[in-house]
Amino acid sequence: MGFAIAAAAKAAGWTVDLVSGPVALPEPAGVMLYPVVTADEMLRQTDALFGPCDVLIMTAAVSDWRPKVMHPQKLKKDGTGLTVEFEPVPDILATLAQRRRPDQLLVGFARRDGERRSQRPR
């Protein structure tokens, strides 16, 4: 959805910056793509582009949770169990909404309680 919105915005004459996680989609023509992998990278890149933007459209959450401890290599089986502890990922839209200018429009899509709706932070 993000790539389709970016392409439509570019076709409408907007200058478009697209921050995206790994996908198998071609970069929309004329759109500046900023590839990221982690939620922290996405927050940093989006935050860096946010100041001068007029409209921010967030089409999907990166993730709600991430492993609290990341291991640099595969963990070998040792016959014992493994418990993975998770921590919340920063909410990028909520973080940026806290410092938006009155003339900036933020659009976010969320799915809560099985219901689809568009959200506009106050």
PDB file of N, CA and C in Angstrom:
ATOM      1  N   MET A   1       0.827  -1.181   0.000  1.00  0.00           N
ATOM      2  CA  MET A   1       0.000   0.000   0.000  1.00  0.00           C
ATOM      3  C   MET A   1       0.876   1.252   0.000  1.00  0.00           C
ATOM      4  N   GLY A   2       1.975   1.231   0.754  1.00  0.00           N
ATOM      5  CA  GLY A   2       2.855   2.394   0.805  1.00  0.00           C
ATOM      6  C   GLY A   2       3.448   2.738  -0.546  1.00  0.00           C
ATOM      7  N   PHE A   3       3.852   1.720  -1.301  1.00  0.00           N
ATOM      8  CA  PHE A   3       4.434   1.964  -2.619  1.00  0.00           C
ATOM      9  C   PHE A   3       3.379   2.514  -3.581  1.00  0.00           C
ATOM     10  N   ALA A   4       2.156   2.018  -3.491  1.00  0.00           N
ATOM     11  CA  ALA A   4       1.074   2.506  -4.356  1.00  0.00           C
ATOM     12  C   ALA A   4       0.734   3.958  -4.027  1.00  0.00           C
ATOM     13  N   ILE A   5       0.673   4.288  -2.741  1.00  0.00           N
ATOM     14  CA  ILE A   5       0.386   5.667  -2.336  1.00  0.00           C
ATOM     15  C   ILE A   5       1.525   6.588  -2.766  1.00  0.00           C
ATOM     16  N   ALA A   6       2.764   6.132  -2.605  1.00  0.00           N
ATOM     17  CA  ALA A   6       3.917   6.939  -3.028  1.00  0.00           C
ATOM     18  C   ALA A   6       3.868   7.213  -4.522  1.00  0.00           C
ATOM     19  N   ALA A   7       3.567   6.194  -5.324  1.00  0.00           N
ATOM     20  CA  ALA A   7       3.490   6.372  -6.777  1.00  0.00           C
ATOM     21  C   ALA A   7       2.351   7.323  -7.148  1.00  0.00           C
ATOM     22  N   ALA A   8       1.214   7.198  -6.483  1.00  0.00           N
ATOM     23  CA  ALA A   8       0.076   8.083  -6.772  1.00  0.00           C
ATOM     24  C   ALA A   8       0.391   9.524  -6.373  1.00  0.00           C
ATOM     25  N   ALA A   9       1.061   9.702  -5.238  1.00  0.00           N
ATOM     26  CA  ALA A   9       1.426  11.053  -4.795  1.00  0.00           C
ATOM     27  C   ALA A   9       2.413  11.687  -5.776  1.00  0.00           C
ATOM     28  N   LYS A  10       3.376  10.900  -6.255  1.00  0.00           N
ATOM     29  CA  LYS A  10       4.336  11.408  -7.240  1.00  0.00           C
ATOM     30  C   LYS A  10       3.617  11.784  -8.532  1.00  0.00           C
ATOM     31  N   ALA A  11       2.675  10.943  -8.960  1.00  0.00           N
ATOM     32  CA  ALA A  11       1.906  11.226 -10.180  1.00  0.00           C
ATOM     33  C   ALA A  11       1.059  12.488 -10.034  1.00  0.00           C
ATOM     34  N   ALA A  12       0.686  12.825  -8.780  1.00  0.00           N
ATOM     35  CA  ALA A  12      -0.098  14.026  -8.520  1.00  0.00           C
ATOM     36  C   ALA A  12       0.785  15.271  -8.389  1.00  0.00           C
ATOM     37  N   GLY A  13       2.110  15.077  -8.534  1.00  0.00           N
ATOM     38  CA  GLY A  13       3.018  16.215  -8.511  1.00  0.00           C
ATOM     39  C   GLY A  13       3.725  16.454  -7.187  1.00  0.00           C
ATOM     40  N   TRP A  14       3.559  15.575  -6.232  1.00  0.00           N
ATOM     41  CA  TRP A  14       4.228  15.731  -4.935  1.00  0.00           C
ATOM     42  C   TRP A  14       5.688  15.320  -5.029  1.00  0.00           C
ATOM     43  N   THR A  15       6.500  15.867  -4.154  1.00  0.00           N
ATOM     44  CA  THR A  15       7.841  15.361  -3.913  1.00  0.00           C
ATOM     45  C   THR A  15       7.676  14.277  -2.852  1.00  0.00           C
ATOM     46  N   VAL A  16       8.178  13.077  -3.138  1.00  0.00           N
ATOM     47  CA  VAL A  16       7.888  11.939  -2.270  1.00  0.00           C
ATOM     48  C   VAL A  16       9.167  11.279  -1.775  1.00  0.00           C
ATOM     49  N   ASP A  17       9.251  11.124  -0.453  1.00  0.00           N
ATOM     50  CA  ASP A  17      10.281  10.321   0.202  1.00  0.00           C
ATOM     51  C   ASP A  17       9.578   9.083   0.741  1.00  0.00           C
ATOM     52  N   LEU A  18      10.113   7.915   0.425  1.00  0.00           N
ATOM     53  CA  LEU A  18       9.504   6.655   0.838  1.00  0.00           C
ATOM     54  C   LEU A  18      10.479   5.899   1.724  1.00  0.00           C
ATOM     55  N   VAL A  19      10.093   5.695   2.980  1.00  0.00           N
ATOM     56  CA  VAL A  19      10.895   4.915   3.917  1.00  0.00           C
ATOM     57  C   VAL A  19      10.246   3.540   3.982  1.00  0.00           C
ATOM     58  N   SER A  20      11.025   2.504   3.673  1.00  0.00           N
ATOM     59  CA  SER A  20      10.440   1.168   3.585  1.00  0.00           C
ATOM     60  C   SER A  20      11.376   0.112   4.131  1.00  0.00           C
ATOM     61  N   GLY A  21      10.776  -0.880   4.759  1.00  0.00           N
ATOM     62  CA  GLY A  21      11.504  -2.076   5.141  1.00  0.00           C
ATOM     63  C   GLY A  21      11.725  -2.930   3.909  1.00  0.00           C
ATOM     64  N   PRO A  22      12.372  -4.083   4.088  1.00  0.00           N
ATOM     65  CA  PRO A  22      12.670  -4.958   2.952  1.00  0.00           C
ATOM     66  C   PRO A  22      11.403  -5.435   2.237  1.00  0.00           C
ATOM     67  N   VAL A  23      11.354  -5.211   0.942  1.00  0.00           N
ATOM     68  CA  VAL A  23      10.228  -5.646   0.119  1.00  0.00           C
ATOM     69  C   VAL A  23      10.764  -6.121  -1.232  1.00  0.00           C
ATOM     70  N   ALA A  24       9.932  -6.822  -1.961  1.00  0.00           N
ATOM     71  CA  ALA A  24      10.293  -7.278  -3.309  1.00  0.00           C
ATOM     72  C   ALA A  24       9.509  -6.471  -4.330  1.00  0.00           C
ATOM     73  N   LEU A  25       9.501  -5.161  -4.159  1.00  0.00           N
ATOM     74  CA  LEU A  25       8.771  -4.266  -5.057  1.00  0.00           C
ATOM     75  C   LEU A  25       9.760  -3.310  -5.715  1.00  0.00           C
ATOM     76  N   PRO A  26       9.510  -2.933  -6.973  1.00  0.00           N
ATOM     77  CA  PRO A  26      10.390  -1.956  -7.612  1.00  0.00           C
ATOM     78  C   PRO A  26      10.168  -0.561  -7.021  1.00  0.00           C
ATOM     79  N   GLU A  27      11.229   0.208  -6.980  1.00  0.00           N
ATOM     80  CA  GLU A  27      11.150   1.590  -6.494  1.00  0.00           C
ATOM     81  C   GLU A  27      10.270   2.396  -7.438  1.00  0.00           C
ATOM     82  N   PRO A  28       9.257   3.096  -6.909  1.00  0.00           N
ATOM     83  CA  PRO A  28       8.405   3.912  -7.787  1.00  0.00           C
ATOM     84  C   PRO A  28       9.237   4.999  -8.482  1.00  0.00           C
ATOM     85  N   ALA A  29       8.985   5.216  -9.754  1.00  0.00           N
ATOM     86  CA  ALA A  29       9.728   6.207 -10.539  1.00  0.00           C
ATOM     87  C   ALA A  29       9.603   7.595  -9.914  1.00  0.00           C
ATOM     88  N   GLY A  30      10.743   8.259  -9.776  1.00  0.00           N
ATOM     89  CA  GLY A  30      10.753   9.629  -9.282  1.00  0.00           C
ATOM     90  C   GLY A  30      10.608   9.772  -7.781  1.00  0.00           C
ATOM     91  N   VAL A  31      10.560   8.660  -7.065  1.00  0.00           N
ATOM     92  CA  VAL A  31      10.406   8.668  -5.608  1.00  0.00           C
ATOM     93  C   VAL A  31      11.758   8.385  -4.972  1.00  0.00           C
ATOM     94  N   MET A  32      12.098   9.112  -3.916  1.00  0.00           N
ATOM     95  CA  MET A  32      13.348   8.864  -3.201  1.00  0.00           C
ATOM     96  C   MET A  32      13.093   7.771  -2.170  1.00  0.00           C
ATOM     97  N   LEU A  33      13.744   6.618  -2.340  1.00  0.00           N
ATOM     98  CA  LEU A  33      13.551   5.469  -1.452  1.00  0.00           C
ATOM     99  C   LEU A  33      14.645   5.416  -0.408  1.00  0.00           C
ATOM    100  N   TYR A  34      14.237   5.248   0.844  1.00  0.00           N
ATOM    101  CA  TYR A  34      15.155   5.085   1.964  1.00  0.00           C
ATOM    102  C   TYR A  34      14.920   3.700   2.551  1.00  0.00           C
ATOM    103  N   PRO A  35      15.741   2.709   2.177  1.00  0.00           N
ATOM    104  CA  PRO A  35      15.528   1.362   2.695  1.00  0.00           C
ATOM    105  C   PRO A  35      16.044   1.229   4.136  1.00  0.00           C
ATOM    106  N   VAL A  36      15.259   0.590   4.970  1.00  0.00           N
ATOM    107  CA  VAL A  36      15.632   0.336   6.357  1.00  0.00           C
ATOM    108  C   VAL A  36      15.309  -1.121   6.667  1.00  0.00           C
ATOM    109  N   VAL A  37      15.851  -1.616   7.783  1.00  0.00           N
ATOM    110  CA  VAL A  37      15.594  -2.995   8.179  1.00  0.00           C
ATOM    111  C   VAL A  37      14.868  -3.057   9.520  1.00  0.00           C
ATOM    112  N   THR A  38      15.331  -2.279  10.490  1.00  0.00           N
ATOM    113  CA  THR A  38      14.754  -2.367  11.833  1.00  0.00           C
ATOM    114  C   THR A  38      13.787  -1.211  12.100  1.00  0.00           C
ATOM    115  N   ALA A  39      12.993  -1.390  13.144  1.00  0.00           N
ATOM    116  CA  ALA A  39      12.072  -0.326  13.565  1.00  0.00           C
ATOM    117  C   ALA A  39      12.853   0.908  14.014  1.00  0.00           C
ATOM    118  N   ASP A  40      13.977   0.713  14.688  1.00  0.00           N
ATOM    119  CA  ASP A  40      14.792   1.851  15.118  1.00  0.00           C
ATOM    120  C   ASP A  40      15.326   2.627  13.912  1.00  0.00           C
ATOM    121  N   GLU A  41      15.762   1.914  12.866  1.00  0.00           N
ATOM    122  CA  GLU A  41      16.215   2.583  11.646  1.00  0.00           C
ATOM    123  C   GLU A  41      15.068   3.357  11.004  1.00  0.00           C
ATOM    124  N   MET A  42      13.883   2.759  10.994  1.00  0.00           N
ATOM    125  CA  MET A  42      12.735   3.433  10.388  1.00  0.00           C
ATOM    126  C   MET A  42      12.383   4.701  11.172  1.00  0.00           C
ATOM    127  N   LEU A  43      12.417   4.633  12.487  1.00  0.00           N
ATOM    128  CA  LEU A  43      12.134   5.813  13.307  1.00  0.00           C
ATOM    129  C   LEU A  43      13.163   6.907  13.026  1.00  0.00           C
ATOM    130  N   ARG A  44      14.451   6.551  13.004  1.00  0.00           N
ATOM    131  CA  ARG A  44      15.497   7.555  12.757  1.00  0.00           C
ATOM    132  C   ARG A  44      15.338   8.202  11.381  1.00  0.00           C
ATOM    133  N   GLN A  45      15.096   7.385  10.348  1.00  0.00           N
ATOM    134  CA  GLN A  45      14.990   7.931   8.993  1.00  0.00           C
ATOM    135  C   GLN A  45      13.738   8.784   8.832  1.00  0.00           C
ATOM    136  N   THR A  46      12.623   8.309   9.363  1.00  0.00           N
ATOM    137  CA  THR A  46      11.372   9.062   9.269  1.00  0.00           C
ATOM    138  C   THR A  46      11.484  10.370  10.051  1.00  0.00           C
ATOM    139  N   ASP A  47      12.107  10.304  11.217  1.00  0.00           N
ATOM    140  CA  ASP A  47      12.303  11.495  12.035  1.00  0.00           C
ATOM    141  C   ASP A  47      13.170  12.519  11.298  1.00  0.00           C
ATOM    142  N   ALA A  48      14.198  12.049  10.603  1.00  0.00           N
ATOM    143  CA  ALA A  48      15.092  12.947   9.868  1.00  0.00           C
ATOM    144  C   ALA A  48      14.363  13.662   8.719  1.00  0.00           C
ATOM    145  N   LEU A  49      13.365  13.009   8.146  1.00  0.00           N
ATOM    146  CA  LEU A  49      12.629  13.592   7.018  1.00  0.00           C
ATOM    147  C   LEU A  49      11.393  14.383   7.457  1.00  0.00           C
ATOM    148  N   PHE A  50      10.992  14.242   8.707  1.00  0.00           N
ATOM    149  CA  PHE A  50       9.706  14.758   9.165  1.00  0.00           C
ATOM    150  C   PHE A  50       9.616  16.280   9.234  1.00  0.00           C
ATOM    151  N   GLY A  51      10.654  16.947   9.685  1.00  0.00           N
ATOM    152  CA  GLY A  51      10.606  18.394   9.907  1.00  0.00           C
ATOM    153  C   GLY A  51      10.006  19.204   8.771  1.00  0.00           C
ATOM    154  N   PRO A  52      10.557  19.104   7.563  1.00  0.00           N
ATOM    155  CA  PRO A  52      10.040  19.929   6.463  1.00  0.00           C
ATOM    156  C   PRO A  52       8.838  19.347   5.722  1.00  0.00           C
ATOM    157  N   CYS A  53       8.395  18.156   6.087  1.00  0.00           N
ATOM    158  CA  CYS A  53       7.318  17.551   5.293  1.00  0.00           C
ATOM    159  C   CYS A  53       5.962  18.192   5.600  1.00  0.00           C
ATOM    160  N   ASP A  54       5.097  18.167   4.610  1.00  0.00           N
ATOM    161  CA  ASP A  54       3.737  18.692   4.763  1.00  0.00           C
ATOM    162  C   ASP A  54       2.754  17.594   5.147  1.00  0.00           C
ATOM    163  N   VAL A  55       2.969  16.394   4.598  1.00  0.00           N
ATOM    164  CA  VAL A  55       2.071  15.265   4.845  1.00  0.00           C
ATOM    165  C   VAL A  55       2.911  14.026   5.132  1.00  0.00           C
ATOM    166  N   LEU A  56       2.589  13.329   6.201  1.00  0.00           N
ATOM    167  CA  LEU A  56       3.221  12.048   6.518  1.00  0.00           C
ATOM    168  C   LEU A  56       2.138  10.991   6.474  1.00  0.00           C
ATOM    169  N   ILE A  57       2.334   9.989   5.616  1.00  0.00           N
ATOM    170  CA  ILE A  57       1.368   8.894   5.517  1.00  0.00           C
ATOM    171  C   ILE A  57       2.081   7.620   5.948  1.00  0.00           C
ATOM    172  N   MET A  58       1.574   7.008   7.010  1.00  0.00           N
ATOM    173  CA  MET A  58       2.130   5.761   7.526  1.00  0.00           C
ATOM    174  C   MET A  58       1.142   4.650   7.186  1.00  0.00           C
ATOM    175  N   THR A  59       1.579   3.693   6.362  1.00  0.00           N
ATOM    176  CA  THR A  59       0.637   2.684   5.881  1.00  0.00           C
ATOM    177  C   THR A  59       0.655   1.392   6.680  1.00  0.00           C
ATOM    178  N   ALA A  60       1.678   1.167   7.490  1.00  0.00           N
ATOM    179  CA  ALA A  60       1.726  -0.078   8.262  1.00  0.00           C
ATOM    180  C   ALA A  60       2.693   0.071   9.421  1.00  0.00           C
ATOM    181  N   ALA A  61       2.408  -0.615  10.495  1.00  0.00           N
ATOM    182  CA  ALA A  61       3.331  -0.642  11.628  1.00  0.00           C
ATOM    183  C   ALA A  61       4.476  -1.584  11.285  1.00  0.00           C
ATOM    184  N   VAL A  62       5.670  -1.233  11.693  1.00  0.00           N
ATOM    185  CA  VAL A  62       6.830  -2.081  11.457  1.00  0.00           C
ATOM    186  C   VAL A  62       6.633  -3.395  12.192  1.00  0.00           C
ATOM    187  N   SER A  63       6.381  -3.294  13.460  1.00  0.00           N
ATOM    188  CA  SER A  63       6.172  -4.441  14.335  1.00  0.00           C
ATOM    189  C   SER A  63       5.783  -3.870  15.686  1.00  0.00           C
ATOM    190  N   ASP A  64       5.121  -4.646  16.477  1.00  0.00           N
ATOM    191  CA  ASP A  64       4.787  -4.176  17.820  1.00  0.00           C
ATOM    192  C   ASP A  64       5.830  -4.610  18.843  1.00  0.00           C
ATOM    193  N   TRP A  65       6.540  -5.686  18.552  1.00  0.00           N
ATOM    194  CA  TRP A  65       7.491  -6.258  19.502  1.00  0.00           C
ATOM    195  C   TRP A  65       8.769  -6.684  18.789  1.00  0.00           C
ATOM    196  N   ARG A  66       9.866  -6.714  19.555  1.00  0.00           N
ATOM    197  CA  ARG A  66      11.144  -7.236  19.060  1.00  0.00           C
ATOM    198  C   ARG A  66      11.802  -8.025  20.192  1.00  0.00           C
ATOM    199  N   PRO A  67      12.682  -8.959  19.856  1.00  0.00           N
ATOM    200  CA  PRO A  67      13.386  -9.686  20.919  1.00  0.00           C
ATOM    201  C   PRO A  67      14.216  -8.718  21.754  1.00  0.00           C
ATOM    202  N   LYS A  68      14.187  -8.901  23.051  1.00  0.00           N
ATOM    203  CA  LYS A  68      14.926  -8.015  23.948  1.00  0.00           C
ATOM    204  C   LYS A  68      16.436  -8.211  23.792  1.00  0.00           C
ATOM    205  N   VAL A  69      16.853  -9.451  23.540  1.00  0.00           N
ATOM    206  CA  VAL A  69      18.269  -9.753  23.351  1.00  0.00           C
ATOM    207  C   VAL A  69      18.451 -10.317  21.943  1.00  0.00           C
ATOM    208  N   MET A  70      19.365  -9.718  21.203  1.00  0.00           N
ATOM    209  CA  MET A  70      19.679 -10.189  19.858  1.00  0.00           C
ATOM    210  C   MET A  70      21.027 -10.912  19.917  1.00  0.00           C
ATOM    211  N   HIS A  71      21.080 -12.118  19.402  1.00  0.00           N
ATOM    212  CA  HIS A  71      22.319 -12.886  19.370  1.00  0.00           C
ATOM    213  C   HIS A  71      22.963 -12.734  17.995  1.00  0.00           C
ATOM    214  N   PRO A  72      24.277 -12.515  17.960  1.00  0.00           N
ATOM    215  CA  PRO A  72      24.935 -12.274  16.674  1.00  0.00           C
ATOM    216  C   PRO A  72      25.042 -13.514  15.788  1.00  0.00           C
ATOM    217  N   GLN A  73      24.806 -14.685  16.371  1.00  0.00           N
ATOM    218  CA  GLN A  73      24.881 -15.906  15.576  1.00  0.00           C
ATOM    219  C   GLN A  73      23.840 -16.909  16.064  1.00  0.00           C
ATOM    220  N   LYS A  74      23.732 -17.986  15.339  1.00  0.00           N
ATOM    221  CA  LYS A  74      22.778 -19.036  15.677  1.00  0.00           C
ATOM    222  C   LYS A  74      23.088 -19.610  17.058  1.00  0.00           C
ATOM    223  N   LEU A  75      22.035 -19.856  17.830  1.00  0.00           N
ATOM    224  CA  LEU A  75      22.201 -20.520  19.110  1.00  0.00           C
ATOM    225  C   LEU A  75      22.103 -22.025  18.888  1.00  0.00           C
ATOM    226  N   LYS A  76      23.080 -22.754  19.356  1.00  0.00           N
ATOM    227  CA  LYS A  76      23.092 -24.206  19.194  1.00  0.00           C
ATOM    228  C   LYS A  76      22.136 -24.850  20.186  1.00  0.00           C
ATOM    229  N   LYS A  77      21.543 -25.952  19.783  1.00  0.00           N
ATOM    230  CA  LYS A  77      20.702 -26.732  20.688  1.00  0.00           C
ATOM    231  C   LYS A  77      21.583 -27.316  21.780  1.00  0.00           C
ATOM    232  N   ASP A  78      21.087 -27.235  23.009  1.00  0.00           N
ATOM    233  CA  ASP A  78      21.860 -27.833  24.105  1.00  0.00           C
ATOM    234  C   ASP A  78      20.991 -28.738  24.978  1.00  0.00           C
ATOM    235  N   GLY A  79      19.806 -29.048  24.509  1.00  0.00           N
ATOM    236  CA  GLY A  79      18.931 -29.939  25.252  1.00  0.00           C
ATOM    237  C   GLY A  79      18.058 -29.246  26.278  1.00  0.00           C
ATOM    238  N   THR A  80      18.288 -27.970  26.501  1.00  0.00           N
ATOM    239  CA  THR A  80      17.443 -27.220  27.431  1.00  0.00           C
ATOM    240  C   THR A  80      16.468 -26.373  26.629  1.00  0.00           C
ATOM    241  N   GLY A  81      15.498 -25.848  27.297  1.00  0.00           N
ATOM    242  CA  GLY A  81      14.535 -24.971  26.638  1.00  0.00           C
ATOM    243  C   GLY A  81      15.115 -23.583  26.431  1.00  0.00           C
ATOM    244  N   LEU A  82      14.397 -22.814  25.673  1.00  0.00           N
ATOM    245  CA  LEU A  82      14.818 -21.445  25.401  1.00  0.00           C
ATOM    246  C   LEU A  82      13.615 -20.536  25.590  1.00  0.00           C
ATOM    247  N   THR A  83      13.805 -19.490  26.338  1.00  0.00           N
ATOM    248  CA  THR A  83      12.760 -18.493  26.525  1.00  0.00           C
ATOM    249  C   THR A  83      13.197 -17.214  25.835  1.00  0.00           C
ATOM    250  N   VAL A  84      12.321 -16.682  25.018  1.00  0.00           N
ATOM    251  CA  VAL A  84      12.616 -15.431  24.316  1.00  0.00           C
ATOM    252  C   VAL A  84      11.770 -14.336  24.946  1.00  0.00           C
ATOM    253  N   GLU A  85      12.429 -13.298  25.421  1.00  0.00           N
ATOM    254  CA  GLU A  85      11.732 -12.164  26.024  1.00  0.00           C
ATOM    255  C   GLU A  85      11.639 -11.052  24.976  1.00  0.00           C
ATOM    256  N   PHE A  86      10.479 -10.419  24.920  1.00  0.00           N
ATOM    257  CA  PHE A  86      10.251  -9.356  23.947  1.00  0.00           C
ATOM    258  C   PHE A  86      10.083  -8.016  24.639  1.00  0.00           C
ATOM    259  N   GLU A  87      10.352  -6.939  23.879  1.00  0.00           N
ATOM    260  CA  GLU A  87      10.127  -5.582  24.351  1.00  0.00           C
ATOM    261  C   GLU A  87       9.366  -4.829  23.270  1.00  0.00           C
ATOM    262  N   PRO A  88       8.611  -3.805  23.659  1.00  0.00           N
ATOM    263  CA  PRO A  88       7.841  -3.064  22.655  1.00  0.00           C
ATOM    264  C   PRO A  88       8.748  -2.252  21.736  1.00  0.00           C
ATOM    265  N   VAL A  89       8.283  -2.088  20.510  1.00  0.00           N
ATOM    266  CA  VAL A  89       8.969  -1.265  19.511  1.00  0.00           C
ATOM    267  C   VAL A  89       8.365   0.136  19.592  1.00  0.00           C
ATOM    268  N   PRO A  90       9.168   1.186  19.425  1.00  0.00           N
ATOM    269  CA  PRO A  90       8.618   2.544  19.471  1.00  0.00           C
ATOM    270  C   PRO A  90       7.497   2.736  18.449  1.00  0.00           C
ATOM    271  N   ASP A  91       6.467   3.464  18.835  1.00  0.00           N
ATOM    272  CA  ASP A  91       5.363   3.794  17.932  1.00  0.00           C
ATOM    273  C   ASP A  91       5.783   5.033  17.150  1.00  0.00           C
ATOM    274  N   ILE A  92       6.153   4.843  15.910  1.00  0.00           N
ATOM    275  CA  ILE A  92       6.712   5.931  15.097  1.00  0.00           C
ATOM    276  C   ILE A  92       5.696   7.051  14.888  1.00  0.00           C
ATOM    277  N   LEU A  93       4.475   6.701  14.523  1.00  0.00           N
ATOM    278  CA  LEU A  93       3.459   7.720  14.280  1.00  0.00           C
ATOM    279  C   LEU A  93       3.163   8.525  15.549  1.00  0.00           C
ATOM    280  N   ALA A  94       3.008   7.848  16.669  1.00  0.00           N
ATOM    281  CA  ALA A  94       2.733   8.550  17.932  1.00  0.00           C
ATOM    282  C   ALA A  94       3.907   9.442  18.327  1.00  0.00           C
ATOM    283  N   THR A  95       5.121   8.964  18.107  1.00  0.00           N
ATOM    284  CA  THR A  95       6.317   9.752  18.441  1.00  0.00           C
ATOM    285  C   THR A  95       6.362  11.042  17.626  1.00  0.00           C
ATOM    286  N   LEU A  96       6.132  10.931  16.321  1.00  0.00           N
ATOM    287  CA  LEU A  96       6.181  12.117  15.470  1.00  0.00           C
ATOM    288  C   LEU A  96       4.980  13.033  15.699  1.00  0.00           C
ATOM    289  N   ALA A  97       3.833  12.470  16.018  1.00  0.00           N
ATOM    290  CA  ALA A  97       2.634  13.277  16.264  1.00  0.00           C
ATOM    291  C   ALA A  97       2.831  14.224  17.446  1.00  0.00           C
ATOM    292  N   GLN A  98       3.681  13.847  18.378  1.00  0.00           N
ATOM    293  CA  GLN A  98       3.926  14.690  19.556  1.00  0.00           C
ATOM    294  C   GLN A  98       4.600  16.002  19.195  1.00  0.00           C
ATOM    295  N   ARG A  99       5.268  16.050  18.070  1.00  0.00           N
ATOM    296  CA  ARG A  99       5.984  17.284  17.705  1.00  0.00           C
ATOM    297  C   ARG A  99       5.596  17.832  16.340  1.00  0.00           C
ATOM    298  N   ARG A 100       4.451  17.441  15.854  1.00  0.00           N
ATOM    299  CA  ARG A 100       4.038  17.946  14.544  1.00  0.00           C
ATOM    300  C   ARG A 100       3.641  19.409  14.623  1.00  0.00           C
ATOM    301  N   ARG A 101       3.835  20.090  13.508  1.00  0.00           N
ATOM    302  CA  ARG A 101       3.407  21.485  13.383  1.00  0.00           C
ATOM    303  C   ARG A 101       1.906  21.505  13.109  1.00  0.00           C
ATOM    304  N   PRO A 102       1.245  22.614  13.427  1.00  0.00           N
ATOM    305  CA  PRO A 102      -0.196  22.695  13.153  1.00  0.00           C
ATOM    306  C   PRO A 102      -0.540  22.533  11.679  1.00  0.00           C
ATOM    307  N   ASP A 103       0.386  22.882  10.778  1.00  0.00           N
ATOM    308  CA  ASP A 103       0.098  22.778   9.348  1.00  0.00           C
ATOM    309  C   ASP A 103       0.495  21.428   8.748  1.00  0.00           C
ATOM    310  N   GLN A 104       1.004  20.508   9.558  1.00  0.00           N
ATOM    311  CA  GLN A 104       1.363  19.178   9.052  1.00  0.00           C
ATOM    312  C   GLN A 104       0.188  18.228   9.206  1.00  0.00           C
ATOM    313  N   LEU A 105      -0.028  17.423   8.181  1.00  0.00           N
ATOM    314  CA  LEU A 105      -1.077  16.402   8.220  1.00  0.00           C
ATOM    315  C   LEU A 105      -0.424  15.045   8.402  1.00  0.00           C
ATOM    316  N   LEU A 106      -0.877  14.299   9.393  1.00  0.00           N
ATOM    317  CA  LEU A 106      -0.399  12.945   9.632  1.00  0.00           C
ATOM    318  C   LEU A 106      -1.545  11.979   9.406  1.00  0.00           C
ATOM    319  N   VAL A 107      -1.286  10.956   8.614  1.00  0.00           N
ATOM    320  CA  VAL A 107      -2.290   9.939   8.324  1.00  0.00           C
ATOM    321  C   VAL A 107      -1.691   8.590   8.687  1.00  0.00           C
ATOM    322  N   GLY A 108      -2.406   7.844   9.509  1.00  0.00           N
ATOM    323  CA  GLY A 108      -1.937   6.508   9.880  1.00  0.00           C
ATOM    324  C   GLY A 108      -3.058   5.512   9.750  1.00  0.00           C
ATOM    325  N   PHE A 109      -2.723   4.318   9.335  1.00  0.00           N
ATOM    326  CA  PHE A 109      -3.716   3.256   9.227  1.00  0.00           C
ATOM    327  C   PHE A 109      -3.457   2.275  10.356  1.00  0.00           C
ATOM    328  N   ALA A 110      -4.519   1.878  11.028  1.00  0.00           N
ATOM    329  CA  ALA A 110      -4.382   0.955  12.151  1.00  0.00           C
ATOM    330  C   ALA A 110      -5.498  -0.065  12.101  1.00  0.00           C
ATOM    331  N   ARG A 111      -5.226  -1.191  12.693  1.00  0.00           N
ATOM    332  CA  ARG A 111      -6.245  -2.225  12.804  1.00  0.00           C
ATOM    333  C   ARG A 111      -6.340  -2.587  14.273  1.00  0.00           C
ATOM    334  N   ARG A 112      -7.457  -2.265  14.861  1.00  0.00           N
ATOM    335  CA  ARG A 112      -7.675  -2.530  16.286  1.00  0.00           C
ATOM    336  C   ARG A 112      -8.999  -3.256  16.447  1.00  0.00           C
ATOM    337  N   ASP A 113      -8.985  -4.259  17.272  1.00  0.00           N
ATOM    338  CA  ASP A 113     -10.199  -5.029  17.538  1.00  0.00           C
ATOM    339  C   ASP A 113     -10.852  -5.526  16.257  1.00  0.00           C
ATOM    340  N   GLY A 114     -10.035  -5.891  15.265  1.00  0.00           N
ATOM    341  CA  GLY A 114     -10.565  -6.420  14.020  1.00  0.00           C
ATOM    342  C   GLY A 114     -11.216  -5.387  13.125  1.00  0.00           C
ATOM    343  N   GLU A 115     -11.113  -4.127  13.478  1.00  0.00           N
ATOM    344  CA  GLU A 115     -11.777  -3.069  12.725  1.00  0.00           C
ATOM    345  C   GLU A 115     -10.742  -2.248  11.973  1.00  0.00           C
ATOM    346  N   ARG A 116     -11.021  -1.914  10.735  1.00  0.00           N
ATOM    347  CA  ARG A 116     -10.125  -1.070   9.952  1.00  0.00           C
ATOM    348  C   ARG A 116     -10.612   0.367  10.021  1.00  0.00           C
ATOM    349  N   ARG A 117      -9.679   1.277  10.187  1.00  0.00           N
ATOM    350  CA  ARG A 117     -10.055   2.694  10.200  1.00  0.00           C
ATOM    351  C   ARG A 117      -8.829   3.547   9.939  1.00  0.00           C
ATOM    352  N   SER A 118      -9.051   4.726   9.461  1.00  0.00           N
ATOM    353  CA  SER A 118      -7.985   5.686   9.247  1.00  0.00           C
ATOM    354  C   SER A 118      -7.915   6.555  10.494  1.00  0.00           C
ATOM    355  N   GLN A 119      -6.709   6.907  10.902  1.00  0.00           N
ATOM    356  CA  GLN A 119      -6.560   7.698  12.114  1.00  0.00           C
ATOM    357  C   GLN A 119      -5.816   8.984  11.795  1.00  0.00           C
ATOM    358  N   ARG A 120      -6.219  10.047  12.449  1.00  0.00           N
ATOM    359  CA  ARG A 120      -5.522  11.314  12.332  1.00  0.00           C
ATOM    360  C   ARG A 120      -5.237  11.787  13.749  1.00  0.00           C
ATOM    361  N   PRO A 121      -3.944  11.749  14.171  1.00  0.00           N
ATOM    362  CA  PRO A 121      -3.617  12.205  15.523  1.00  0.00           C
ATOM    363  C   PRO A 121      -4.015  13.653  15.725  1.00  0.00           C
ATOM    364  N   ARG A 122      -4.382  13.974  16.939  1.00  0.00           N
ATOM    365  CA  ARG A 122      -4.793  15.352  17.253  1.00  0.00           C
ATOM    366  C   ARG A 122      -3.620  16.253  17.446  1.00  0.00           C
TER     367      ARG A 122
END
